[in-house]
């Protein structure tokens, strides 16, 4: 995402180049045997984000049969 700081309000625009780099890295990691789980910035800034993250890791650990705290 690129940020345009001209006269007036700040606007944001998607960057196809940066997105392409990100998905290429995602493919490389998956081919290397890694599982990729992404969080969006908005998810991490919500008031309930600690619960969202906790729920995710509880579910992930359950999936892999690891005990949860």
C-alpha atoms as a PDB file:
ATOM      1  CA  UNK A   1       0.000   0.000   0.000  1.00  0.00           C
ATOM      2  CA  UNK A   2       1.343   3.392  -0.842  1.00  0.00           C
ATOM      3  CA  UNK A   3       0.413   6.630   0.842  1.00  0.00           C
ATOM      4  CA  UNK A   4      -0.273   9.790  -1.113  1.00  0.00           C
ATOM      5  CA  UNK A   5       0.402  12.961   0.903  1.00  0.00           C
ATOM      6  CA  UNK A   6      -0.672  15.711  -1.420  1.00  0.00           C
ATOM      7  CA  UNK A   7      -2.759  18.741  -0.602  1.00  0.00           C
ATOM      8  CA  UNK A   8      -5.947  17.657   1.172  1.00  0.00           C
ATOM      9  CA  UNK A   9      -6.753  14.387   2.922  1.00  0.00           C
ATOM     10  CA  UNK A  10      -4.305  11.496   3.001  1.00  0.00           C
ATOM     11  CA  UNK A  11      -5.343   8.681   0.689  1.00  0.00           C
ATOM     12  CA  UNK A  12      -4.142   5.105   0.462  1.00  0.00           C
ATOM     13  CA  UNK A  13      -3.753   3.024  -2.665  1.00  0.00           C
ATOM     14  CA  UNK A  14      -2.921  -0.654  -3.145  1.00  0.00           C
ATOM     15  CA  UNK A  15       0.476  -1.401  -4.606  1.00  0.00           C
ATOM     16  CA  UNK A  16       0.350  -4.267  -7.132  1.00  0.00           C
ATOM     17  CA  UNK A  17       4.155  -4.536  -7.010  1.00  0.00           C
ATOM     18  CA  UNK A  18       4.264  -4.954  -3.223  1.00  0.00           C
ATOM     19  CA  UNK A  19       1.350  -7.377  -3.272  1.00  0.00           C
ATOM     20  CA  UNK A  20       3.103  -9.426  -5.965  1.00  0.00           C
ATOM     21  CA  UNK A  21       6.268  -9.590  -3.848  1.00  0.00           C
ATOM     22  CA  UNK A  22       4.237 -10.688  -0.829  1.00  0.00           C
ATOM     23  CA  UNK A  23       2.399 -13.500  -2.618  1.00  0.00           C
ATOM     24  CA  UNK A  24       5.628 -14.697  -4.265  1.00  0.00           C
ATOM     25  CA  UNK A  25       7.195 -15.009  -0.799  1.00  0.00           C
ATOM     26  CA  UNK A  26       4.047 -16.779   0.418  1.00  0.00           C
ATOM     27  CA  UNK A  27       4.425 -19.369  -2.361  1.00  0.00           C
ATOM     28  CA  UNK A  28       8.133 -19.816  -1.604  1.00  0.00           C
ATOM     29  CA  UNK A  29       7.413 -20.468   2.083  1.00  0.00           C
ATOM     30  CA  UNK A  30       4.581 -22.899   1.300  1.00  0.00           C
ATOM     31  CA  UNK A  31       6.801 -24.848  -1.080  1.00  0.00           C
ATOM     32  CA  UNK A  32       9.404 -25.015   1.698  1.00  0.00           C
ATOM     33  CA  UNK A  33       6.777 -26.711   3.884  1.00  0.00           C
ATOM     34  CA  UNK A  34       5.621 -23.799   6.034  1.00  0.00           C
ATOM     35  CA  UNK A  35       1.994 -23.053   6.837  1.00  0.00           C
ATOM     36  CA  UNK A  36       1.116 -19.379   6.467  1.00  0.00           C
ATOM     37  CA  UNK A  37      -1.484 -17.650   8.628  1.00  0.00           C
ATOM     38  CA  UNK A  38      -2.041 -13.969   7.997  1.00  0.00           C
ATOM     39  CA  UNK A  39      -3.593 -11.248  10.079  1.00  0.00           C
ATOM     40  CA  UNK A  40      -4.704  -7.957   8.609  1.00  0.00           C
ATOM     41  CA  UNK A  41      -3.735  -4.719  10.281  1.00  0.00           C
ATOM     42  CA  UNK A  42      -7.372  -3.887  10.995  1.00  0.00           C
ATOM     43  CA  UNK A  43      -7.778  -7.178  12.889  1.00  0.00           C
ATOM     44  CA  UNK A  44      -4.891  -6.243  15.164  1.00  0.00           C
ATOM     45  CA  UNK A  45      -6.184  -2.757  15.968  1.00  0.00           C
ATOM     46  CA  UNK A  46      -9.752  -3.706  16.906  1.00  0.00           C
ATOM     47  CA  UNK A  47     -10.701  -3.482  20.585  1.00  0.00           C
ATOM     48  CA  UNK A  48     -11.223  -7.277  20.644  1.00  0.00           C
ATOM     49  CA  UNK A  49      -7.914  -8.072  18.923  1.00  0.00           C
ATOM     50  CA  UNK A  50      -6.387  -9.843  21.966  1.00  0.00           C
ATOM     51  CA  UNK A  51      -9.349 -12.231  21.953  1.00  0.00           C
ATOM     52  CA  UNK A  52      -9.159 -12.710  18.171  1.00  0.00           C
ATOM     53  CA  UNK A  53      -5.471 -13.649  18.444  1.00  0.00           C
ATOM     54  CA  UNK A  54      -6.027 -15.873  21.484  1.00  0.00           C
ATOM     55  CA  UNK A  55      -8.880 -17.708  19.757  1.00  0.00           C
ATOM     56  CA  UNK A  56      -6.736 -18.242  16.666  1.00  0.00           C
ATOM     57  CA  UNK A  57      -3.830 -19.763  18.602  1.00  0.00           C
ATOM     58  CA  UNK A  58      -6.144 -21.926  20.690  1.00  0.00           C
ATOM     59  CA  UNK A  59      -7.674 -23.294  17.485  1.00  0.00           C
ATOM     60  CA  UNK A  60      -4.243 -23.735  15.876  1.00  0.00           C
ATOM     61  CA  UNK A  61      -2.859 -25.629  18.876  1.00  0.00           C
ATOM     62  CA  UNK A  62      -5.982 -27.783  19.020  1.00  0.00           C
ATOM     63  CA  UNK A  63      -5.575 -28.597  15.332  1.00  0.00           C
ATOM     64  CA  UNK A  64      -2.044 -29.793  15.992  1.00  0.00           C
ATOM     65  CA  UNK A  65      -3.073 -31.562  19.209  1.00  0.00           C
ATOM     66  CA  UNK A  66      -0.906 -29.413  21.484  1.00  0.00           C
ATOM     67  CA  UNK A  67      -2.130 -28.550  24.973  1.00  0.00           C
ATOM     68  CA  UNK A  68      -3.371 -25.002  25.446  1.00  0.00           C
ATOM     69  CA  UNK A  69      -2.613 -22.946  28.555  1.00  0.00           C
END
